[in-house]
Amino acid sequence: MSAVEWIATHVSGGQRLTEETLALVADFTLIWALFEGTEAHGEDVIVVDELQSIAERVSHDFSIQRLDEFVTFWSDRYIADGSTNHRFDRLNLAHRPHRTLVENVLIKSDDSLVNKIYATLLITYRLRNNLFHGAKDIQYLDGQRENLRYASDLLKTVLEASGRYIYHNA
């Protein structure tokens, strides 16, 4: 029995998940593994501590147009009337400097290229943590499709700008 079949049979609400959602979860999981394997320095390193240096490193070759698309998407999702909304709170950005940085980028009071990349990586990291470690209610996973799509696309854009396509940590 595949994971999809098992979820549909054994998890309340699992039968309502779309194939598109499940494919996006799988895509995000795979691209995150590639990102972490190529961009993180080792097993003992906490990825969130490396996100700023990754942003600095890839900023020279990062597509500005793509970055603007990512910032616009997440601004539209997490900002209402010039301030953060309930969705933003559910990112669970507990570290105050991270929360402030992401908020400033999304309300467009911080236009630094590196900070915009860093903030979008922080959002993606929180999506990853919430997916893998956060409170689970599979019935809400369909509502994360666009988030997962943009997060995967961000990671692909980082990998393209980085030029690291193989596992350096193997």
C-alpha atoms as a PDB file:
ATOM      1  CA  MET A   1       0.000   0.000   0.000  1.00  0.00           C
ATOM      2  CA  SER A   2       1.390   3.405  -0.961  1.00  0.00           C
ATOM      3  CA  ALA A   3       1.567   6.270   1.517  1.00  0.00           C
ATOM      4  CA  VAL A   4      -1.218   8.036  -0.398  1.00  0.00           C
ATOM      5  CA  GLU A   5      -3.489   4.986  -0.157  1.00  0.00           C
ATOM      6  CA  TRP A   6      -2.649   4.501   3.507  1.00  0.00           C
ATOM      7  CA  ILE A   7      -3.414   8.152   4.320  1.00  0.00           C
ATOM      8  CA  ALA A   8      -6.709   7.999   2.446  1.00  0.00           C
ATOM      9  CA  THR A   9      -7.690   4.855   4.347  1.00  0.00           C
ATOM     10  CA  HIS A  10      -6.401   5.597   7.849  1.00  0.00           C
ATOM     11  CA  VAL A  11      -6.266   9.361   8.389  1.00  0.00           C
ATOM     12  CA  SER A  12      -9.351  11.431   8.994  1.00  0.00           C
ATOM     13  CA  GLY A  13      -9.686  13.809   6.057  1.00  0.00           C
ATOM     14  CA  GLY A  14      -6.960  12.003   4.136  1.00  0.00           C
ATOM     15  CA  GLN A  15      -9.295  10.941   1.358  1.00  0.00           C
ATOM     16  CA  ARG A  16      -9.947  14.625   0.572  1.00  0.00           C
ATOM     17  CA  LEU A  17      -6.305  15.432  -0.144  1.00  0.00           C
ATOM     18  CA  THR A  18      -5.710  16.073  -3.796  1.00  0.00           C
ATOM     19  CA  GLU A  19      -3.002  14.394  -5.819  1.00  0.00           C
ATOM     20  CA  GLU A  20      -1.654  17.875  -6.557  1.00  0.00           C
ATOM     21  CA  THR A  21      -1.182  18.551  -2.828  1.00  0.00           C
ATOM     22  CA  LEU A  22       0.550  15.243  -2.240  1.00  0.00           C
ATOM     23  CA  ALA A  23       2.817  15.825  -5.262  1.00  0.00           C
ATOM     24  CA  LEU A  24       3.714  19.301  -3.962  1.00  0.00           C
ATOM     25  CA  VAL A  25       4.570  17.894  -0.519  1.00  0.00           C
ATOM     26  CA  ALA A  26       6.783  15.279  -2.169  1.00  0.00           C
ATOM     27  CA  ASP A  27       8.430  17.898  -4.425  1.00  0.00           C
ATOM     28  CA  PHE A  28       9.076  20.219  -1.494  1.00  0.00           C
ATOM     29  CA  THR A  29      10.504  17.390   0.601  1.00  0.00           C
ATOM     30  CA  LEU A  30      12.886  16.326  -2.158  1.00  0.00           C
ATOM     31  CA  ILE A  31      14.039  19.823  -3.054  1.00  0.00           C
ATOM     32  CA  TRP A  32      14.525  20.641   0.649  1.00  0.00           C
ATOM     33  CA  ALA A  33      16.737  17.543   1.014  1.00  0.00           C
ATOM     34  CA  LEU A  34      18.804  18.645  -1.986  1.00  0.00           C
ATOM     35  CA  PHE A  35      19.014  22.219  -0.668  1.00  0.00           C
ATOM     36  CA  GLU A  36      20.091  21.082   2.784  1.00  0.00           C
ATOM     37  CA  GLY A  37      22.550  18.563   1.373  1.00  0.00           C
ATOM     38  CA  THR A  38      24.241  21.049  -0.939  1.00  0.00           C
ATOM     39  CA  GLU A  39      23.988  24.302   0.979  1.00  0.00           C
ATOM     40  CA  ALA A  40      24.439  23.243   4.634  1.00  0.00           C
ATOM     41  CA  HIS A  41      27.970  22.661   5.887  1.00  0.00           C
ATOM     42  CA  GLY A  42      27.488  19.523   7.940  1.00  0.00           C
ATOM     43  CA  GLU A  43      25.394  17.407  10.249  1.00  0.00           C
ATOM     44  CA  ASP A  44      26.100  19.450  13.372  1.00  0.00           C
ATOM     45  CA  VAL A  45      25.042  22.728  11.778  1.00  0.00           C
ATOM     46  CA  ILE A  46      21.576  24.143  12.293  1.00  0.00           C
ATOM     47  CA  VAL A  47      20.369  25.203   8.855  1.00  0.00           C
ATOM     48  CA  VAL A  48      18.604  28.344  10.107  1.00  0.00           C
ATOM     49  CA  ASP A  49      21.979  29.643  11.299  1.00  0.00           C
ATOM     50  CA  GLU A  50      23.314  29.329   7.753  1.00  0.00           C
ATOM     51  CA  LEU A  51      20.473  30.989   5.868  1.00  0.00           C
ATOM     52  CA  GLN A  52      21.932  34.494   6.047  1.00  0.00           C
ATOM     53  CA  SER A  53      25.311  33.384   4.680  1.00  0.00           C
ATOM     54  CA  ILE A  54      23.537  31.411   1.942  1.00  0.00           C
ATOM     55  CA  ALA A  55      21.566  34.539   1.033  1.00  0.00           C
ATOM     56  CA  GLU A  56      24.772  36.573   0.879  1.00  0.00           C
ATOM     57  CA  ARG A  57      26.536  33.946  -1.224  1.00  0.00           C
ATOM     58  CA  VAL A  58      23.781  33.558  -3.835  1.00  0.00           C
ATOM     59  CA  SER A  59      22.731  37.220  -4.020  1.00  0.00           C
ATOM     60  CA  HIS A  60      25.112  38.005  -6.890  1.00  0.00           C
ATOM     61  CA  ASP A  61      23.467  35.454  -9.216  1.00  0.00           C
ATOM     62  CA  PHE A  62      19.906  35.497  -7.886  1.00  0.00           C
ATOM     63  CA  SER A  63      17.144  36.469 -10.315  1.00  0.00           C
ATOM     64  CA  ILE A  64      15.726  39.797  -9.135  1.00  0.00           C
ATOM     65  CA  GLN A  65      12.515  39.135 -11.048  1.00  0.00           C
ATOM     66  CA  ARG A  66      12.016  35.790  -9.321  1.00  0.00           C
ATOM     67  CA  LEU A  67      12.851  37.315  -5.933  1.00  0.00           C
ATOM     68  CA  ASP A  68      10.230  40.015  -6.459  1.00  0.00           C
ATOM     69  CA  GLU A  69       7.687  37.284  -7.293  1.00  0.00           C
ATOM     70  CA  PHE A  70       8.484  35.444  -4.053  1.00  0.00           C
ATOM     71  CA  VAL A  71       8.301  38.587  -1.916  1.00  0.00           C
ATOM     72  CA  THR A  72       5.047  39.666  -3.588  1.00  0.00           C
ATOM     73  CA  PHE A  73       3.437  36.252  -3.064  1.00  0.00           C
ATOM     74  CA  TRP A  74       4.345  36.088   0.616  1.00  0.00           C
ATOM     75  CA  SER A  75       3.486  39.761   1.172  1.00  0.00           C
ATOM     76  CA  ASP A  76       0.035  39.130  -0.280  1.00  0.00           C
ATOM     77  CA  ARG A  77      -0.320  36.059   1.942  1.00  0.00           C
ATOM     78  CA  TYR A  78       1.021  37.415   5.236  1.00  0.00           C
ATOM     79  CA  ILE A  79       0.364  41.173   5.175  1.00  0.00           C
ATOM     80  CA  ALA A  80      -3.004  42.910   5.448  1.00  0.00           C
ATOM     81  CA  ASP A  81      -3.482  46.666   5.693  1.00  0.00           C
ATOM     82  CA  GLY A  82       0.226  47.266   6.179  1.00  0.00           C
ATOM     83  CA  SER A  83       0.794  44.814   9.023  1.00  0.00           C
ATOM     84  CA  THR A  84       1.126  41.103   9.597  1.00  0.00           C
ATOM     85  CA  ASN A  85      -1.946  38.907   9.784  1.00  0.00           C
ATOM     86  CA  HIS A  86      -2.952  35.653  11.515  1.00  0.00           C
ATOM     87  CA  ARG A  87      -1.269  33.556   8.817  1.00  0.00           C
ATOM     88  CA  PHE A  88       2.026  35.289   9.551  1.00  0.00           C
ATOM     89  CA  ASP A  89       1.641  34.416  13.238  1.00  0.00           C
ATOM     90  CA  ARG A  90       1.237  30.744  12.309  1.00  0.00           C
ATOM     91  CA  LEU A  91       4.701  30.739  10.734  1.00  0.00           C
ATOM     92  CA  ASN A  92       5.891  30.655  14.353  1.00  0.00           C
ATOM     93  CA  LEU A  93       8.879  32.924  13.852  1.00  0.00           C
ATOM     94  CA  ALA A  94       9.834  32.805  17.525  1.00  0.00           C
ATOM     95  CA  HIS A  95      13.274  34.428  17.192  1.00  0.00           C
ATOM     96  CA  ARG A  96      12.493  38.160  17.351  1.00  0.00           C
ATOM     97  CA  PRO A  97      15.227  39.319  14.913  1.00  0.00           C
ATOM     98  CA  HIS A  98      13.967  36.814  12.310  1.00  0.00           C
ATOM     99  CA  ARG A  99      10.374  37.897  12.818  1.00  0.00           C
ATOM    100  CA  THR A 100      11.305  41.579  12.481  1.00  0.00           C
ATOM    101  CA  LEU A 101      13.394  40.980   9.360  1.00  0.00           C
ATOM    102  CA  VAL A 102      10.666  38.987   7.606  1.00  0.00           C
ATOM    103  CA  GLU A 103       8.016  41.529   8.575  1.00  0.00           C
ATOM    104  CA  ASN A 104      10.113  44.461   7.324  1.00  0.00           C
ATOM    105  CA  VAL A 105      10.783  42.729   4.000  1.00  0.00           C
ATOM    106  CA  LEU A 106       7.127  41.806   3.510  1.00  0.00           C
ATOM    107  CA  ILE A 107       5.816  45.281   4.318  1.00  0.00           C
ATOM    108  CA  LYS A 108       8.531  46.534   1.962  1.00  0.00           C
ATOM    109  CA  SER A 109      10.361  48.739   4.434  1.00  0.00           C
ATOM    110  CA  ASP A 110      13.568  46.720   3.846  1.00  0.00           C
ATOM    111  CA  ASP A 111      14.585  46.535   0.194  1.00  0.00           C
ATOM    112  CA  SER A 112      18.037  44.986   0.658  1.00  0.00           C
ATOM    113  CA  LEU A 113      18.603  42.191  -1.847  1.00  0.00           C
ATOM    114  CA  VAL A 114      20.335  39.962   0.712  1.00  0.00           C
ATOM    115  CA  ASN A 115      17.647  40.583   3.342  1.00  0.00           C
ATOM    116  CA  LYS A 116      14.893  39.765   0.840  1.00  0.00           C
ATOM    117  CA  ILE A 117      16.553  36.453  -0.007  1.00  0.00           C
ATOM    118  CA  TYR A 118      17.216  35.785   3.683  1.00  0.00           C
ATOM    119  CA  ALA A 119      13.607  36.582   4.664  1.00  0.00           C
ATOM    120  CA  THR A 120      12.157  34.304   1.991  1.00  0.00           C
ATOM    121  CA  LEU A 121      14.526  31.533   3.083  1.00  0.00           C
ATOM    122  CA  LEU A 122      13.347  32.028   6.677  1.00  0.00           C
ATOM    123  CA  ILE A 123       9.736  31.699   5.553  1.00  0.00           C
ATOM    124  CA  THR A 124      10.605  28.534   3.650  1.00  0.00           C
ATOM    125  CA  TYR A 125      12.466  27.173   6.674  1.00  0.00           C
ATOM    126  CA  ARG A 126       9.440  27.805   8.879  1.00  0.00           C
ATOM    127  CA  LEU A 127       7.156  26.113   6.335  1.00  0.00           C
ATOM    128  CA  ARG A 128       9.505  23.148   6.423  1.00  0.00           C
ATOM    129  CA  ASN A 129       9.527  23.038  10.223  1.00  0.00           C
ATOM    130  CA  ASN A 130       5.779  23.449  10.466  1.00  0.00           C
ATOM    131  CA  LEU A 131       5.269  20.671   7.903  1.00  0.00           C
ATOM    132  CA  PHE A 132       7.691  18.238   9.540  1.00  0.00           C
ATOM    133  CA  HIS A 133       7.447  19.197  13.218  1.00  0.00           C
ATOM    134  CA  GLY A 134       4.441  21.445  13.748  1.00  0.00           C
ATOM    135  CA  ALA A 135       0.901  20.728  14.798  1.00  0.00           C
ATOM    136  CA  LYS A 136      -0.617  18.456  12.187  1.00  0.00           C
ATOM    137  CA  ASP A 137      -4.070  18.597  10.701  1.00  0.00           C
ATOM    138  CA  ILE A 138      -3.967  17.004   7.308  1.00  0.00           C
ATOM    139  CA  GLN A 139      -7.268  18.636   6.388  1.00  0.00           C
ATOM    140  CA  TYR A 140      -5.486  21.992   6.073  1.00  0.00           C
ATOM    141  CA  LEU A 141      -2.671  20.732   3.860  1.00  0.00           C
ATOM    142  CA  ASP A 142      -4.563  21.561   0.657  1.00  0.00           C
ATOM    143  CA  GLY A 143      -4.492  25.200   1.756  1.00  0.00           C
ATOM    144  CA  GLN A 144      -0.682  25.099   1.668  1.00  0.00           C
ATOM    145  CA  ARG A 145      -0.345  24.235  -2.029  1.00  0.00           C
ATOM    146  CA  GLU A 146       0.768  27.666  -3.228  1.00  0.00           C
ATOM    147  CA  ASN A 147       3.044  28.057  -0.207  1.00  0.00           C
ATOM    148  CA  LEU A 148       4.728  24.750  -1.032  1.00  0.00           C
ATOM    149  CA  ARG A 149       4.968  25.635  -4.727  1.00  0.00           C
ATOM    150  CA  TYR A 150       6.624  28.986  -4.035  1.00  0.00           C
ATOM    151  CA  ALA A 151       8.894  27.514  -1.354  1.00  0.00           C
ATOM    152  CA  SER A 152      10.073  24.795  -3.749  1.00  0.00           C
ATOM    153  CA  ASP A 153      10.632  27.354  -6.494  1.00  0.00           C
ATOM    154  CA  LEU A 154      12.621  29.537  -4.101  1.00  0.00           C
ATOM    155  CA  LEU A 155      14.874  26.630  -3.176  1.00  0.00           C
ATOM    156  CA  LYS A 156      15.397  25.776  -6.852  1.00  0.00           C
ATOM    157  CA  THR A 157      16.296  29.401  -7.563  1.00  0.00           C
ATOM    158  CA  VAL A 158      18.803  29.364  -4.692  1.00  0.00           C
ATOM    159  CA  LEU A 159      20.328  26.140  -6.008  1.00  0.00           C
ATOM    160  CA  GLU A 160      20.602  27.611  -9.503  1.00  0.00           C
ATOM    161  CA  ALA A 161      22.265  30.767  -8.163  1.00  0.00           C
ATOM    162  CA  SER A 162      24.567  28.689  -5.985  1.00  0.00           C
ATOM    163  CA  GLY A 163      25.627  26.290  -8.708  1.00  0.00           C
ATOM    164  CA  ARG A 164      25.865  23.440  -6.212  1.00  0.00           C
ATOM    165  CA  TYR A 165      23.880  20.597  -7.700  1.00  0.00           C
ATOM    166  CA  ILE A 166      25.524  17.634  -6.034  1.00  0.00           C
ATOM    167  CA  TYR A 167      25.750  16.487  -2.439  1.00  0.00           C
ATOM    168  CA  HIS A 168      28.970  17.903  -1.037  1.00  0.00           C
ATOM    169  CA  ASN A 169      28.349  16.296   2.364  1.00  0.00           C
ATOM    170  CA  ALA A 170      28.305  12.698   1.123  1.00  0.00           C
END
